[in-house]
PDB file of N, CA and C in Angstrom:
ATOM      1  N   MET A   1       0.817  -1.190   0.000  1.00  0.00           N
ATOM      2  CA  MET A   1       0.000   0.000   0.000  1.00  0.00           C
ATOM      3  C   MET A   1       0.865   1.262   0.000  1.00  0.00           C
ATOM      4  N   ALA A   2       1.972   1.230   0.697  1.00  0.00           N
ATOM      5  CA  ALA A   2       2.850   2.404   0.739  1.00  0.00           C
ATOM      6  C   ALA A   2       3.331   2.771  -0.661  1.00  0.00           C
ATOM      7  N   LEU A   3       3.635   1.762  -1.471  1.00  0.00           N
ATOM      8  CA  LEU A   3       4.078   2.022  -2.842  1.00  0.00           C
ATOM      9  C   LEU A   3       2.956   2.675  -3.652  1.00  0.00           C
ATOM     10  N   ASP A   4       1.739   2.195  -3.472  1.00  0.00           N
ATOM     11  CA  ASP A   4       0.598   2.801  -4.167  1.00  0.00           C
ATOM     12  C   ASP A   4       0.424   4.263  -3.766  1.00  0.00           C
ATOM     13  N   LEU A   5       0.575   4.556  -2.491  1.00  0.00           N
ATOM     14  CA  LEU A   5       0.452   5.937  -2.017  1.00  0.00           C
ATOM     15  C   LEU A   5       1.585   6.806  -2.553  1.00  0.00           C
ATOM     16  N   ARG A   6       2.770   6.224  -2.699  1.00  0.00           N
ATOM     17  CA  ARG A   6       3.891   6.972  -3.294  1.00  0.00           C
ATOM     18  C   ARG A   6       3.622   7.265  -4.759  1.00  0.00           C
ATOM     19  N   ARG A   7       3.130   6.259  -5.485  1.00  0.00           N
ATOM     20  CA  ARG A   7       2.827   6.452  -6.916  1.00  0.00           C
ATOM     21  C   ARG A   7       1.770   7.532  -7.125  1.00  0.00           C
ATOM     22  N   ALA A   8       0.866   7.656  -6.180  1.00  0.00           N
ATOM     23  CA  ALA A   8      -0.179   8.683  -6.257  1.00  0.00           C
ATOM     24  C   ALA A   8       0.308  10.030  -5.716  1.00  0.00           C
ATOM     25  N   HIS A   9       1.567  10.098  -5.313  1.00  0.00           N
ATOM     26  CA  HIS A   9       2.181  11.324  -4.777  1.00  0.00           C
ATOM     27  C   HIS A   9       1.490  11.816  -3.506  1.00  0.00           C
ATOM     28  N   LEU A  10       0.999  10.866  -2.707  1.00  0.00           N
ATOM     29  CA  LEU A  10       0.390  11.222  -1.428  1.00  0.00           C
ATOM     30  C   LEU A  10       1.392  11.143  -0.289  1.00  0.00           C
ATOM     31  N   VAL A  11       2.393  10.289  -0.439  1.00  0.00           N
ATOM     32  CA  VAL A  11       3.464  10.181   0.552  1.00  0.00           C
ATOM     33  C   VAL A  11       4.806  10.147  -0.160  1.00  0.00           C
ATOM     34  N   SER A  12       5.837  10.503   0.580  1.00  0.00           N
ATOM     35  CA  SER A  12       7.212  10.353   0.110  1.00  0.00           C
ATOM     36  C   SER A  12       7.950   9.535   1.159  1.00  0.00           C
ATOM     37  N   ALA A  13       9.050   8.945   0.742  1.00  0.00           N
ATOM     38  CA  ALA A  13       9.812   8.093   1.660  1.00  0.00           C
ATOM     39  C   ALA A  13      11.194   8.682   1.882  1.00  0.00           C
ATOM     40  N   ARG A  14      11.681   8.484   3.098  1.00  0.00           N
ATOM     41  CA  ARG A  14      13.036   8.919   3.420  1.00  0.00           C
ATOM     42  C   ARG A  14      13.682   7.794   4.212  1.00  0.00           C
ATOM     43  N   ARG A  15      14.888   7.437   3.813  1.00  0.00           N
ATOM     44  CA  ARG A  15      15.620   6.366   4.492  1.00  0.00           C
ATOM     45  C   ARG A  15      16.413   6.920   5.659  1.00  0.00           C
ATOM     46  N   GLY A  16      16.838   6.012   6.493  1.00  0.00           N
ATOM     47  CA  GLY A  16      17.730   6.405   7.573  1.00  0.00           C
ATOM     48  C   GLY A  16      17.061   6.429   8.927  1.00  0.00           C
ATOM     49  N   LYS A  17      17.860   6.882   9.889  1.00  0.00           N
ATOM     50  CA  LYS A  17      17.432   6.902  11.287  1.00  0.00           C
ATOM     51  C   LYS A  17      16.121   7.661  11.495  1.00  0.00           C
ATOM     52  N   ASP A  18      15.995   8.800  10.881  1.00  0.00           N
ATOM     53  CA  ASP A  18      14.781   9.610  11.006  1.00  0.00           C
ATOM     54  C   ASP A  18      13.867   9.436   9.798  1.00  0.00           C
ATOM     55  N   GLY A  19      14.051   8.333   9.107  1.00  0.00           N
ATOM     56  CA  GLY A  19      13.287   8.080   7.891  1.00  0.00           C
ATOM     57  C   GLY A  19      11.883   7.584   8.152  1.00  0.00           C
ATOM     58  N   GLY A  20      11.219   7.286   7.075  1.00  0.00           N
ATOM     59  CA  GLY A  20       9.851   6.785   7.133  1.00  0.00           C
ATOM     60  C   GLY A  20       9.059   7.346   5.977  1.00  0.00           C
ATOM     61  N   TYR A  21       7.763   7.264   6.092  1.00  0.00           N
ATOM     62  CA  TYR A  21       6.873   7.814   5.079  1.00  0.00           C
ATOM     63  C   TYR A  21       6.273   9.110   5.601  1.00  0.00           C
ATOM     64  N   PHE A  22       6.184  10.087   4.720  1.00  0.00           N
ATOM     65  CA  PHE A  22       5.695  11.410   5.088  1.00  0.00           C
ATOM     66  C   PHE A  22       4.670  11.881   4.063  1.00  0.00           C
ATOM     67  N   LEU A  23       3.632  12.542   4.530  1.00  0.00           N
ATOM     68  CA  LEU A  23       2.634  13.099   3.624  1.00  0.00           C
ATOM     69  C   LEU A  23       3.272  14.171   2.753  1.00  0.00           C
ATOM     70  N   THR A  24       2.889  14.219   1.498  1.00  0.00           N
ATOM     71  CA  THR A  24       3.425  15.229   0.587  1.00  0.00           C
ATOM     72  C   THR A  24       2.638  16.539   0.650  1.00  0.00           C
ATOM     73  N   ARG A  25       1.470  16.486   1.269  1.00  0.00           N
ATOM     74  CA  ARG A  25       0.640  17.676   1.469  1.00  0.00           C
ATOM     75  C   ARG A  25       0.124  17.665   2.899  1.00  0.00           C
ATOM     76  N   GLU A  26      -0.395  18.769   3.318  1.00  0.00           N
ATOM     77  CA  GLU A  26      -1.006  18.850   4.642  1.00  0.00           C
ATOM     78  C   GLU A  26      -2.196  17.895   4.694  1.00  0.00           C
ATOM     79  N   PRO A  27      -2.461  17.285   5.846  1.00  0.00           N
ATOM     80  CA  PRO A  27      -3.582  16.342   5.960  1.00  0.00           C
ATOM     81  C   PRO A  27      -4.938  16.937   5.567  1.00  0.00           C
ATOM     82  N   ASN A  28      -5.101  18.234   5.739  1.00  0.00           N
ATOM     83  CA  ASN A  28      -6.371  18.862   5.365  1.00  0.00           C
ATOM     84  C   ASN A  28      -6.502  19.088   3.861  1.00  0.00           C
ATOM     85  N   ARG A  29      -5.476  18.697   3.095  1.00  0.00           N
ATOM     86  CA  ARG A  29      -5.509  18.827   1.638  1.00  0.00           C
ATOM     87  C   ARG A  29      -5.495  17.471   0.942  1.00  0.00           C
ATOM     88  N   ILE A  30      -5.638  16.394   1.716  1.00  0.00           N
ATOM     89  CA  ILE A  30      -5.694  15.042   1.148  1.00  0.00           C
ATOM     90  C   ILE A  30      -7.050  14.443   1.500  1.00  0.00           C
ATOM     91  N   SER A  31      -7.830  14.144   0.473  1.00  0.00           N
ATOM     92  CA  SER A  31      -9.167  13.598   0.717  1.00  0.00           C
ATOM     93  C   SER A  31      -9.118  12.081   0.889  1.00  0.00           C
ATOM     94  N   VAL A  32     -10.132  11.576   1.555  1.00  0.00           N
ATOM     95  CA  VAL A  32     -10.241  10.135   1.769  1.00  0.00           C
ATOM     96  C   VAL A  32     -10.337   9.404   0.435  1.00  0.00           C
ATOM     97  N   ILE A  33     -11.051   9.985  -0.531  1.00  0.00           N
ATOM     98  CA  ILE A  33     -11.194   9.313  -1.824  1.00  0.00           C
ATOM     99  C   ILE A  33      -9.844   9.170  -2.519  1.00  0.00           C
ATOM    100  N   GLU A  34      -8.950  10.132  -2.346  1.00  0.00           N
ATOM    101  CA  GLU A  34      -7.620  10.022  -2.946  1.00  0.00           C
ATOM    102  C   GLU A  34      -6.871   8.818  -2.393  1.00  0.00           C
ATOM    103  N   VAL A  35      -6.961   8.616  -1.093  1.00  0.00           N
ATOM    104  CA  VAL A  35      -6.271   7.493  -0.452  1.00  0.00           C
ATOM    105  C   VAL A  35      -6.885   6.173  -0.895  1.00  0.00           C
ATOM    106  N   ILE A  36      -8.206   6.096  -0.884  1.00  0.00           N
ATOM    107  CA  ILE A  36      -8.884   4.863  -1.291  1.00  0.00           C
ATOM    108  C   ILE A  36      -8.532   4.507  -2.728  1.00  0.00           C
ATOM    109  N   GLU A  37      -8.620   5.474  -3.622  1.00  0.00           N
ATOM    110  CA  GLU A  37      -8.372   5.185  -5.029  1.00  0.00           C
ATOM    111  C   GLU A  37      -6.897   4.938  -5.319  1.00  0.00           C
ATOM    112  N   ALA A  38      -6.008   5.512  -4.541  1.00  0.00           N
ATOM    113  CA  ALA A  38      -4.584   5.213  -4.703  1.00  0.00           C
ATOM    114  C   ALA A  38      -4.308   3.761  -4.345  1.00  0.00           C
ATOM    115  N   ALA A  39      -4.964   3.280  -3.312  1.00  0.00           N
ATOM    116  CA  ALA A  39      -4.732   1.915  -2.834  1.00  0.00           C
ATOM    117  C   ALA A  39      -5.532   0.868  -3.599  1.00  0.00           C
ATOM    118  N   GLU A  40      -6.752   1.206  -3.994  1.00  0.00           N
ATOM    119  CA  GLU A  40      -7.667   0.209  -4.564  1.00  0.00           C
ATOM    120  C   GLU A  40      -8.057   0.451  -6.014  1.00  0.00           C
ATOM    121  N   GLY A  41      -7.722   1.610  -6.561  1.00  0.00           N
ATOM    122  CA  GLY A  41      -8.199   1.945  -7.896  1.00  0.00           C
ATOM    123  C   GLY A  41      -9.518   2.692  -7.793  1.00  0.00           C
ATOM    124  N   PRO A  42     -10.109   3.017  -8.938  1.00  0.00           N
ATOM    125  CA  PRO A  42     -11.356   3.788  -8.920  1.00  0.00           C
ATOM    126  C   PRO A  42     -12.440   3.111  -8.089  1.00  0.00           C
ATOM    127  N   LEU A  43     -13.106   3.905  -7.275  1.00  0.00           N
ATOM    128  CA  LEU A  43     -14.177   3.394  -6.426  1.00  0.00           C
ATOM    129  C   LEU A  43     -15.448   3.274  -7.250  1.00  0.00           C
ATOM    130  N   ARG A  44     -15.933   2.046  -7.368  1.00  0.00           N
ATOM    131  CA  ARG A  44     -17.165   1.790  -8.112  1.00  0.00           C
ATOM    132  C   ARG A  44     -18.047   0.869  -7.293  1.00  0.00           C
ATOM    133  N   ILE A  45     -19.300   1.209  -7.203  1.00  0.00           N
ATOM    134  CA  ILE A  45     -20.252   0.388  -6.466  1.00  0.00           C
ATOM    135  C   ILE A  45     -20.572  -0.876  -7.243  1.00  0.00           C
ATOM    136  N   VAL A  46     -20.783  -0.734  -8.548  1.00  0.00           N
ATOM    137  CA  VAL A  46     -21.041  -1.878  -9.416  1.00  0.00           C
ATOM    138  C   VAL A  46     -20.121  -1.784 -10.622  1.00  0.00           C
ATOM    139  N   THR A  47     -19.834  -2.924 -11.224  1.00  0.00           N
ATOM    140  CA  THR A  47     -18.846  -2.960 -12.309  1.00  0.00           C
ATOM    141  C   THR A  47     -19.285  -2.215 -13.554  1.00  0.00           C
ATOM    142  N   CYS A  48     -20.576  -2.094 -13.808  1.00  0.00           N
ATOM    143  CA  CYS A  48     -21.014  -1.441 -15.047  1.00  0.00           C
ATOM    144  C   CYS A  48     -20.766   0.061 -15.041  1.00  0.00           C
ATOM    145  N   GLN A  49     -20.379   0.623 -13.917  1.00  0.00           N
ATOM    146  CA  GLN A  49     -20.143   2.063 -13.880  1.00  0.00           C
ATOM    147  C   GLN A  49     -18.924   2.473 -14.689  1.00  0.00           C
ATOM    148  N   GLY A  50     -18.058   1.529 -14.981  1.00  0.00           N
ATOM    149  CA  GLY A  50     -16.895   1.849 -15.791  1.00  0.00           C
ATOM    150  C   GLY A  50     -17.164   1.745 -17.273  1.00  0.00           C
ATOM    151  N   GLY A  51     -18.326   1.272 -17.659  1.00  0.00           N
ATOM    152  CA  GLY A  51     -18.661   1.093 -19.067  1.00  0.00           C
ATOM    153  C   GLY A  51     -20.047   0.515 -19.205  1.00  0.00           C
ATOM    154  N   GLU A  52     -20.219  -0.278 -20.230  1.00  0.00           N
ATOM    155  CA  GLU A  52     -21.516  -0.879 -20.491  1.00  0.00           C
ATOM    156  C   GLU A  52     -21.815  -2.015 -19.529  1.00  0.00           C
ATOM    157  N   CYS A  53     -23.089  -2.197 -19.254  1.00  0.00           N
ATOM    158  CA  CYS A  53     -23.553  -3.293 -18.416  1.00  0.00           C
ATOM    159  C   CYS A  53     -23.403  -4.593 -19.203  1.00  0.00           C
ATOM    160  N   VAL A  54     -22.892  -5.633 -18.554  1.00  0.00           N
ATOM    161  CA  VAL A  54     -22.674  -6.903 -19.252  1.00  0.00           C
ATOM    162  C   VAL A  54     -23.966  -7.680 -19.459  1.00  0.00           C
ATOM    163  N   SER A  55     -25.008  -7.401 -18.678  1.00  0.00           N
ATOM    164  CA  SER A  55     -26.240  -8.175 -18.798  1.00  0.00           C
ATOM    165  C   SER A  55     -27.232  -7.584 -19.802  1.00  0.00           C
ATOM    166  N   SER A  56     -27.154  -6.315 -20.037  1.00  0.00           N
ATOM    167  CA  SER A  56     -28.066  -5.676 -20.992  1.00  0.00           C
ATOM    168  C   SER A  56     -27.501  -4.310 -21.367  1.00  0.00           C
ATOM    169  N   PRO A  57     -28.068  -3.685 -22.404  1.00  0.00           N
ATOM    170  CA  PRO A  57     -27.563  -2.350 -22.762  1.00  0.00           C
ATOM    171  C   PRO A  57     -27.616  -1.366 -21.593  1.00  0.00           C
ATOM    172  N   LYS A  58     -28.703  -1.406 -20.819  1.00  0.00           N
ATOM    173  CA  LYS A  58     -28.804  -0.535 -19.645  1.00  0.00           C
ATOM    174  C   LYS A  58     -29.835  -1.135 -18.693  1.00  0.00           C
ATOM    175  N   CYS A  59     -29.382  -1.554 -17.519  1.00  0.00           N
ATOM    176  CA  CYS A  59     -30.306  -2.166 -16.562  1.00  0.00           C
ATOM    177  C   CYS A  59     -31.218  -1.097 -15.958  1.00  0.00           C
ATOM    178  N   THR A  60     -32.301  -1.540 -15.362  1.00  0.00           N
ATOM    179  CA  THR A  60     -33.295  -0.597 -14.839  1.00  0.00           C
ATOM    180  C   THR A  60     -32.790   0.216 -13.653  1.00  0.00           C
ATOM    181  N   THR A  61     -31.782  -0.272 -12.956  1.00  0.00           N
ATOM    182  CA  THR A  61     -31.262   0.454 -11.785  1.00  0.00           C
ATOM    183  C   THR A  61     -29.982   1.239 -12.088  1.00  0.00           C
ATOM    184  N   HIS A  62     -29.588   1.274 -13.343  1.00  0.00           N
ATOM    185  CA  HIS A  62     -28.329   1.922 -13.733  1.00  0.00           C
ATOM    186  C   HIS A  62     -28.238   3.371 -13.235  1.00  0.00           C
ATOM    187  N   ASP A  63     -29.272   4.151 -13.490  1.00  0.00           N
ATOM    188  CA  ASP A  63     -29.247   5.567 -13.092  1.00  0.00           C
ATOM    189  C   ASP A  63     -29.172   5.732 -11.580  1.00  0.00           C
ATOM    190  N   PHE A  64     -29.863   4.864 -10.848  1.00  0.00           N
ATOM    191  CA  PHE A  64     -29.786   4.889  -9.389  1.00  0.00           C
ATOM    192  C   PHE A  64     -28.348   4.712  -8.921  1.00  0.00           C
ATOM    193  N   TRP A  65     -27.646   3.713  -9.469  1.00  0.00           N
ATOM    194  CA  TRP A  65     -26.265   3.434  -9.056  1.00  0.00           C
ATOM    195  C   TRP A  65     -25.348   4.598  -9.397  1.00  0.00           C
ATOM    196  N   LEU A  66     -25.578   5.238 -10.536  1.00  0.00           N
ATOM    197  CA  LEU A  66     -24.747   6.393 -10.897  1.00  0.00           C
ATOM    198  C   LEU A  66     -24.938   7.546  -9.916  1.00  0.00           C
ATOM    199  N   VAL A  67     -26.174   7.820  -9.533  1.00  0.00           N
ATOM    200  CA  VAL A  67     -26.452   8.888  -8.566  1.00  0.00           C
ATOM    201  C   VAL A  67     -25.827   8.551  -7.216  1.00  0.00           C
ATOM    202  N   LEU A  68     -26.010   7.314  -6.768  1.00  0.00           N
ATOM    203  CA  LEU A  68     -25.424   6.889  -5.496  1.00  0.00           C
ATOM    204  C   LEU A  68     -23.904   7.010  -5.532  1.00  0.00           C
ATOM    205  N   GLN A  69     -23.297   6.591  -6.637  1.00  0.00           N
ATOM    206  CA  GLN A  69     -21.845   6.684  -6.805  1.00  0.00           C
ATOM    207  C   GLN A  69     -21.377   8.133  -6.667  1.00  0.00           C
ATOM    208  N   LYS A  70     -22.090   9.057  -7.295  1.00  0.00           N
ATOM    209  CA  LYS A  70     -21.716  10.477  -7.227  1.00  0.00           C
ATOM    210  C   LYS A  70     -21.786  11.001  -5.795  1.00  0.00           C
ATOM    211  N   HIS A  71     -22.819  10.604  -5.059  1.00  0.00           N
ATOM    212  CA  HIS A  71     -22.963  11.057  -3.667  1.00  0.00           C
ATOM    213  C   HIS A  71     -21.847  10.492  -2.780  1.00  0.00           C
ATOM    214  N   ILE A  72     -21.528   9.243  -2.966  1.00  0.00           N
ATOM    215  CA  ILE A  72     -20.441   8.634  -2.188  1.00  0.00           C
ATOM    216  C   ILE A  72     -19.123   9.319  -2.509  1.00  0.00           C
ATOM    217  N   HIS A  73     -18.856   9.525  -3.794  1.00  0.00           N
ATOM    218  CA  HIS A  73     -17.618  10.195  -4.210  1.00  0.00           C
ATOM    219  C   HIS A  73     -17.530  11.592  -3.610  1.00  0.00           C
ATOM    220  N   LYS A  74     -18.634  12.339  -3.697  1.00  0.00           N
ATOM    221  CA  LYS A  74     -18.657  13.707  -3.172  1.00  0.00           C
ATOM    222  C   LYS A  74     -18.377  13.714  -1.673  1.00  0.00           C
ATOM    223  N   THR A  75     -19.012  12.814  -0.940  1.00  0.00           N
ATOM    224  CA  THR A  75     -18.814  12.746   0.506  1.00  0.00           C
ATOM    225  C   THR A  75     -17.373  12.408   0.845  1.00  0.00           C
ATOM    226  N   LEU A  76     -16.809  11.413   0.188  1.00  0.00           N
ATOM    227  CA  LEU A  76     -15.433  11.008   0.478  1.00  0.00           C
ATOM    228  C   LEU A  76     -14.416  12.048   0.015  1.00  0.00           C
ATOM    229  N   ARG A  77     -14.770  12.846  -0.993  1.00  0.00           N
ATOM    230  CA  ARG A  77     -13.882  13.920  -1.446  1.00  0.00           C
ATOM    231  C   ARG A  77     -13.873  15.066  -0.434  1.00  0.00           C
ATOM    232  N   GLU A  78     -14.979  15.237   0.293  1.00  0.00           N
ATOM    233  CA  GLU A  78     -15.080  16.317   1.276  1.00  0.00           C
ATOM    234  C   GLU A  78     -14.443  15.972   2.618  1.00  0.00           C
ATOM    235  N   ILE A  79     -14.223  14.707   2.889  1.00  0.00           N
ATOM    236  CA  ILE A  79     -13.597  14.281   4.142  1.00  0.00           C
ATOM    237  C   ILE A  79     -12.097  14.167   3.914  1.00  0.00           C
ATOM    238  N   THR A  80     -11.326  14.827   4.767  1.00  0.00           N
ATOM    239  CA  THR A  80      -9.870  14.802   4.623  1.00  0.00           C
ATOM    240  C   THR A  80      -9.234  13.938   5.703  1.00  0.00           C
ATOM    241  N   LEU A  81      -7.946  13.697   5.539  1.00  0.00           N
ATOM    242  CA  LEU A  81      -7.214  12.964   6.573  1.00  0.00           C
ATOM    243  C   LEU A  81      -7.251  13.721   7.895  1.00  0.00           C
ATOM    244  N   ALA A  82      -7.190  15.031   7.832  1.00  0.00           N
ATOM    245  CA  ALA A  82      -7.267  15.839   9.056  1.00  0.00           C
ATOM    246  C   ALA A  82      -8.605  15.626   9.755  1.00  0.00           C
ATOM    247  N   ASP A  83      -9.669  15.516   8.979  1.00  0.00           N
ATOM    248  CA  ASP A  83     -10.987  15.256   9.566  1.00  0.00           C
ATOM    249  C   ASP A  83     -11.000  13.921  10.295  1.00  0.00           C
ATOM    250  N   LEU A  84     -10.382  12.916   9.719  1.00  0.00           N
ATOM    251  CA  LEU A  84     -10.355  11.592  10.340  1.00  0.00           C
ATOM    252  C   LEU A  84      -9.611  11.613  11.666  1.00  0.00           C
ATOM    253  N   VAL A  85      -8.566  12.409  11.733  1.00  0.00           N
ATOM    254  CA  VAL A  85      -7.755  12.469  12.947  1.00  0.00           C
ATOM    255  C   VAL A  85      -8.454  13.257  14.051  1.00  0.00           C
ATOM    256  N   LYS A  86      -9.083  14.367  13.701  1.00  0.00           N
ATOM    257  CA  LYS A  86      -9.630  15.250  14.736  1.00  0.00           C
ATOM    258  C   LYS A  86     -11.060  14.930  15.143  1.00  0.00           C
ATOM    259  N   GLN A  87     -11.791  14.184  14.337  1.00  0.00           N
ATOM    260  CA  GLN A  87     -13.195  13.918  14.633  1.00  0.00           C
ATOM    261  C   GLN A  87     -13.410  12.490  15.108  1.00  0.00           C
ATOM    262  N   SER A  88     -14.343  12.350  16.015  1.00  0.00           N
ATOM    263  CA  SER A  88     -14.764  11.005  16.391  1.00  0.00           C
ATOM    264  C   SER A  88     -15.654  10.486  15.269  1.00  0.00           C
ATOM    265  N   PRO A  89     -15.776   9.189  15.109  1.00  0.00           N
ATOM    266  CA  PRO A  89     -16.614   8.644  14.033  1.00  0.00           C
ATOM    267  C   PRO A  89     -18.053   9.148  14.080  1.00  0.00           C
ATOM    268  N   HIS A  90     -18.554   9.458  15.266  1.00  0.00           N
ATOM    269  CA  HIS A  90     -19.931   9.923  15.392  1.00  0.00           C
ATOM    270  C   HIS A  90     -20.112  11.336  14.852  1.00  0.00           C
ATOM    271  N   LYS A  91     -19.066  12.130  14.829  1.00  0.00           N
ATOM    272  CA  LYS A  91     -19.165  13.496  14.337  1.00  0.00           C
ATOM    273  C   LYS A  91     -18.798  13.598  12.861  1.00  0.00           C
ATOM    274  N   LEU A  92     -18.101  12.607  12.329  1.00  0.00           N
ATOM    275  CA  LEU A  92     -17.588  12.681  10.969  1.00  0.00           C
ATOM    276  C   LEU A  92     -18.688  12.596   9.924  1.00  0.00           C
ATOM    277  N   LEU A  93     -19.600  11.677  10.097  1.00  0.00           N
ATOM    278  CA  LEU A  93     -20.671  11.491   9.130  1.00  0.00           C
ATOM    279  C   LEU A  93     -22.022  11.724   9.799  1.00  0.00           C
ATOM    280  N   PRO A  94     -22.955  12.272   9.078  1.00  0.00           N
ATOM    281  CA  PRO A  94     -24.273  12.519   9.663  1.00  0.00           C
ATOM    282  C   PRO A  94     -25.148  11.267   9.647  1.00  0.00           C
ATOM    283  N   LEU A  95     -24.630  10.181  10.180  1.00  0.00           N
ATOM    284  CA  LEU A  95     -25.363   8.921  10.204  1.00  0.00           C
ATOM    285  C   LEU A  95     -25.586   8.478  11.634  1.00  0.00           C
ATOM    286  N   SER A  96     -26.706   7.872  11.864  1.00  0.00           N
ATOM    287  CA  SER A  96     -26.992   7.306  13.171  1.00  0.00           C
ATOM    288  C   SER A  96     -26.830   5.800  13.068  1.00  0.00           C
ATOM    289  N   VAL A  97     -25.911   5.253  13.836  1.00  0.00           N
ATOM    290  CA  VAL A  97     -25.649   3.823  13.796  1.00  0.00           C
ATOM    291  C   VAL A  97     -25.994   3.239  15.153  1.00  0.00           C
ATOM    292  N   LYS A  98     -26.880   2.269  15.144  1.00  0.00           N
ATOM    293  CA  LYS A  98     -27.276   1.613  16.386  1.00  0.00           C
ATOM    294  C   LYS A  98     -26.699   0.209  16.401  1.00  0.00           C
ATOM    295  N   ASN A  99     -26.294  -0.230  17.566  1.00  0.00           N
ATOM    296  CA  ASN A  99     -25.792  -1.587  17.724  1.00  0.00           C
ATOM    297  C   ASN A  99     -26.992  -2.517  17.811  1.00  0.00           C
ATOM    298  N   GLU A 100     -27.198  -3.295  16.752  1.00  0.00           N
ATOM    299  CA  GLU A 100     -28.347  -4.190  16.680  1.00  0.00           C
ATOM    300  C   GLU A 100     -28.011  -5.591  17.178  1.00  0.00           C
ATOM    301  N   GLY A 101     -26.742  -5.843  17.510  1.00  0.00           N
ATOM    302  CA  GLY A 101     -26.319  -7.178  17.920  1.00  0.00           C
ATOM    303  C   GLY A 101     -26.799  -7.534  19.311  1.00  0.00           C
ATOM    304  N   LYS A 102     -26.781  -8.825  19.596  1.00  0.00           N
ATOM    305  CA  LYS A 102     -27.168  -9.313  20.921  1.00  0.00           C
ATOM    306  C   LYS A 102     -25.991  -9.192  21.868  1.00  0.00           C
ATOM    307  N   ASN A 103     -26.266  -8.821  23.093  1.00  0.00           N
ATOM    308  CA  ASN A 103     -25.223  -8.749  24.118  1.00  0.00           C
ATOM    309  C   ASN A 103     -24.996 -10.133  24.688  1.00  0.00           C
ATOM    310  N   SER A 104     -23.743 -10.508  24.912  1.00  0.00           N
ATOM    311  CA  SER A 104     -23.436 -11.829  25.455  1.00  0.00           C
ATOM    312  C   SER A 104     -23.458 -11.825  26.944  1.00  0.00           C
TER     313      SER A 104
END
């Protein structure tokens, strides 16, 4: 993963005693989507978003997936590494998550 981040110019490496990996920009200038796509490639919810649908010219839910993809991309582009560090998960996203599991 470090090599992928270097190729995307998100980190640089320095050897030696004080070496390691260092961000090439301030954390507030690196979005979560940049990190995800550097490590995993383009973020796609379904495979047909990169081109034609393999099952038909255009499936009935195609437009829905495109809209959802845009919203996810926009949200992840707005969240930076600095946001991840300074915010608790409950403040980062406007989602309410309840623990639905059984207690042991």
